[in-house]
Amino acid sequence: GRHRISFDEVVEVMKKTGVPNGLKALGFGIQDIEDFVAGTLPQHRVTKLSPRPVSAEDLTRLFMETMTIW
């Protein structure tokens, strides 16, 4: 059968390959989220790929949740 990759497996690969642990590890903070949202909303080539419409609130939550991954 087909193996589904778990979140823990993805994190393990990220750790082994040295992927930074989220936006915070890249030097960004909560104070940057407003700018991230403002910069993302007009990028229709990115937002149109979403399976549903994306609001500023959705993006704010997404960026908050990706400050750290694990």
N, C-alpha and C. Protein backbone atom coordinates (compact mmCIF):
# COMPACT_ATOMS: atom_id res chain seq x y z
N GLY A 1 0.81 -1.18 0.00
CA GLY A 1 0.00 0.00 0.00
C GLY A 1 0.86 1.26 0.00
N ARG A 2 0.19 2.33 -0.11
CA ARG A 2 0.85 3.63 -0.17
C ARG A 2 1.09 4.15 1.26
N HIS A 3 2.31 4.57 1.54
CA HIS A 3 2.66 5.08 2.87
C HIS A 3 2.37 6.56 2.95
N ARG A 4 1.62 6.95 3.96
CA ARG A 4 1.36 8.37 4.21
C ARG A 4 2.43 8.89 5.15
N ILE A 5 3.01 9.99 4.82
CA ILE A 5 4.07 10.58 5.63
C ILE A 5 3.44 11.36 6.77
N SER A 6 3.92 11.11 7.98
CA SER A 6 3.38 11.80 9.15
C SER A 6 4.12 13.13 9.38
N PHE A 7 3.51 13.98 10.19
CA PHE A 7 4.13 15.24 10.58
C PHE A 7 5.49 14.98 11.23
N ASP A 8 5.54 14.00 12.12
CA ASP A 8 6.79 13.68 12.82
C ASP A 8 7.89 13.26 11.86
N GLU A 9 7.53 12.54 10.81
CA GLU A 9 8.51 12.13 9.81
C GLU A 9 9.05 13.33 9.04
N VAL A 10 8.17 14.25 8.71
CA VAL A 10 8.59 15.47 8.00
C VAL A 10 9.52 16.28 8.89
N VAL A 11 9.16 16.44 10.16
CA VAL A 11 10.00 17.19 11.09
C VAL A 11 11.37 16.52 11.23
N GLU A 12 11.40 15.21 11.30
CA GLU A 12 12.68 14.50 11.42
C GLU A 12 13.58 14.79 10.22
N VAL A 13 13.02 14.79 9.02
CA VAL A 13 13.79 15.11 7.82
C VAL A 13 14.26 16.56 7.87
N MET A 14 13.39 17.46 8.31
CA MET A 14 13.76 18.87 8.41
C MET A 14 14.93 19.05 9.37
N LYS A 15 14.88 18.37 10.51
CA LYS A 15 15.95 18.47 11.50
C LYS A 15 17.25 17.91 10.94
N LYS A 16 17.18 16.74 10.31
CA LYS A 16 18.38 16.08 9.77
C LYS A 16 19.04 16.90 8.67
N THR A 17 18.24 17.64 7.93
CA THR A 17 18.78 18.42 6.81
C THR A 17 19.07 19.87 7.18
N GLY A 18 18.82 20.23 8.44
CA GLY A 18 19.16 21.56 8.91
C GLY A 18 18.19 22.66 8.54
N VAL A 19 16.95 22.31 8.24
CA VAL A 19 15.95 23.33 7.93
C VAL A 19 15.66 24.12 9.20
N PRO A 20 15.67 25.45 9.15
CA PRO A 20 15.39 26.25 10.33
C PRO A 20 14.00 25.95 10.91
N ASN A 21 13.89 26.05 12.22
CA ASN A 21 12.64 25.76 12.91
C ASN A 21 11.68 26.96 12.85
N GLY A 22 11.17 27.23 11.69
CA GLY A 22 10.16 28.27 11.51
C GLY A 22 10.72 29.66 11.27
N LEU A 23 9.80 30.59 11.15
CA LEU A 23 10.15 31.98 10.85
C LEU A 23 10.99 32.62 11.94
N LYS A 24 10.73 32.26 13.20
CA LYS A 24 11.49 32.81 14.32
C LYS A 24 12.97 32.47 14.19
N ALA A 25 13.27 31.25 13.76
CA ALA A 25 14.67 30.83 13.59
C ALA A 25 15.36 31.60 12.47
N LEU A 26 14.58 32.20 11.60
CA LEU A 26 15.12 33.00 10.50
C LEU A 26 15.27 34.47 10.88
N GLY A 27 14.91 34.78 12.14
CA GLY A 27 15.07 36.15 12.63
C GLY A 27 13.81 37.00 12.57
N PHE A 28 12.69 36.41 12.21
CA PHE A 28 11.44 37.16 12.15
C PHE A 28 10.69 37.01 13.46
N GLY A 29 9.78 37.94 13.73
CA GLY A 29 8.98 37.91 14.94
C GLY A 29 7.56 38.32 14.68
N ILE A 30 6.80 38.33 15.75
CA ILE A 30 5.38 38.70 15.68
C ILE A 30 5.21 40.07 15.02
N GLN A 31 6.16 40.96 15.27
CA GLN A 31 6.06 42.32 14.72
C GLN A 31 6.14 42.33 13.18
N ASP A 32 6.59 41.25 12.57
CA ASP A 32 6.71 41.17 11.11
C ASP A 32 5.45 40.65 10.42
N ILE A 33 4.55 40.07 11.18
CA ILE A 33 3.39 39.40 10.57
C ILE A 33 2.52 40.35 9.77
N GLU A 34 2.26 41.53 10.26
CA GLU A 34 1.43 42.49 9.52
C GLU A 34 2.02 42.76 8.13
N ASP A 35 3.33 42.93 8.07
CA ASP A 35 4.00 43.17 6.78
C ASP A 35 3.92 41.92 5.88
N PHE A 36 4.06 40.73 6.48
CA PHE A 36 3.94 39.49 5.70
C PHE A 36 2.56 39.40 5.06
N VAL A 37 1.53 39.67 5.84
CA VAL A 37 0.15 39.60 5.34
C VAL A 37 -0.06 40.63 4.23
N ALA A 38 0.37 41.86 4.48
CA ALA A 38 0.20 42.93 3.48
C ALA A 38 0.95 42.59 2.20
N GLY A 39 2.08 41.92 2.31
CA GLY A 39 2.85 41.55 1.13
C GLY A 39 2.32 40.34 0.40
N THR A 40 1.60 39.49 1.12
CA THR A 40 1.08 38.26 0.51
C THR A 40 -0.25 38.47 -0.19
N LEU A 41 -1.14 39.25 0.39
CA LEU A 41 -2.48 39.42 -0.18
C LEU A 41 -2.50 39.81 -1.65
N PRO A 42 -1.65 40.74 -2.11
CA PRO A 42 -1.71 41.10 -3.53
C PRO A 42 -1.04 40.09 -4.47
N GLN A 43 -0.42 39.06 -3.95
CA GLN A 43 0.29 38.09 -4.78
C GLN A 43 -0.68 37.01 -5.25
N HIS A 44 -1.51 37.34 -6.22
CA HIS A 44 -2.56 36.44 -6.68
C HIS A 44 -2.00 35.14 -7.26
N ARG A 45 -0.80 35.18 -7.78
CA ARG A 45 -0.22 33.93 -8.31
C ARG A 45 0.01 32.93 -7.19
N VAL A 46 0.14 33.41 -5.96
CA VAL A 46 0.30 32.55 -4.79
C VAL A 46 -1.05 32.24 -4.16
N THR A 47 -1.85 33.26 -3.90
CA THR A 47 -3.10 33.06 -3.18
C THR A 47 -4.14 32.31 -4.01
N LYS A 48 -4.08 32.39 -5.32
CA LYS A 48 -5.05 31.69 -6.16
C LYS A 48 -4.82 30.17 -6.14
N LEU A 49 -3.66 29.73 -5.66
CA LEU A 49 -3.38 28.29 -5.56
C LEU A 49 -4.08 27.66 -4.36
N SER A 50 -4.58 28.48 -3.46
CA SER A 50 -5.28 27.98 -2.28
C SER A 50 -6.59 27.31 -2.70
N PRO A 51 -6.94 26.20 -2.05
CA PRO A 51 -8.20 25.53 -2.40
C PRO A 51 -9.44 26.31 -1.97
N ARG A 52 -9.25 27.39 -1.19
CA ARG A 52 -10.37 28.25 -0.79
C ARG A 52 -9.86 29.68 -0.71
N PRO A 53 -10.76 30.65 -0.72
CA PRO A 53 -10.32 32.05 -0.61
C PRO A 53 -9.50 32.27 0.66
N VAL A 54 -8.52 33.15 0.58
CA VAL A 54 -7.63 33.43 1.71
C VAL A 54 -7.86 34.86 2.18
N SER A 55 -8.11 35.00 3.48
CA SER A 55 -8.32 36.33 4.06
C SER A 55 -7.08 36.76 4.82
N ALA A 56 -7.05 38.02 5.21
CA ALA A 56 -5.96 38.53 6.03
C ALA A 56 -5.90 37.77 7.35
N GLU A 57 -7.04 37.42 7.90
CA GLU A 57 -7.08 36.66 9.15
C GLU A 57 -6.47 35.27 8.96
N ASP A 58 -6.77 34.63 7.84
CA ASP A 58 -6.19 33.31 7.54
C ASP A 58 -4.67 33.40 7.48
N LEU A 59 -4.18 34.41 6.77
CA LEU A 59 -2.73 34.57 6.62
C LEU A 59 -2.07 34.90 7.95
N THR A 60 -2.72 35.73 8.75
CA THR A 60 -2.18 36.07 10.07
C THR A 60 -2.02 34.80 10.90
N ARG A 61 -3.04 33.97 10.91
CA ARG A 61 -2.99 32.71 11.65
C ARG A 61 -1.88 31.80 11.11
N LEU A 62 -1.78 31.71 9.79
CA LEU A 62 -0.74 30.89 9.17
C LEU A 62 0.65 31.34 9.60
N PHE A 63 0.92 32.63 9.52
CA PHE A 63 2.24 33.13 9.90
C PHE A 63 2.49 32.96 11.40
N MET A 64 1.47 33.15 12.22
CA MET A 64 1.62 32.93 13.68
C MET A 64 2.00 31.48 13.95
N GLU A 65 1.31 30.56 13.27
CA GLU A 65 1.54 29.14 13.51
C GLU A 65 2.88 28.65 12.95
N THR A 66 3.49 29.41 12.06
CA THR A 66 4.77 28.98 11.49
C THR A 66 5.96 29.73 12.08
N MET A 67 5.73 30.46 13.17
CA MET A 67 6.88 31.07 13.88
C MET A 67 7.82 29.97 14.33
N THR A 68 7.27 28.86 14.83
CA THR A 68 8.07 27.66 15.13
C THR A 68 7.28 26.46 14.61
N ILE A 69 8.01 25.46 14.14
CA ILE A 69 7.39 24.28 13.56
C ILE A 69 7.31 23.13 14.57
N TRP A 70 8.37 22.95 15.31
CA TRP A 70 8.40 21.88 16.30
C TRP A 70 8.83 22.36 17.65
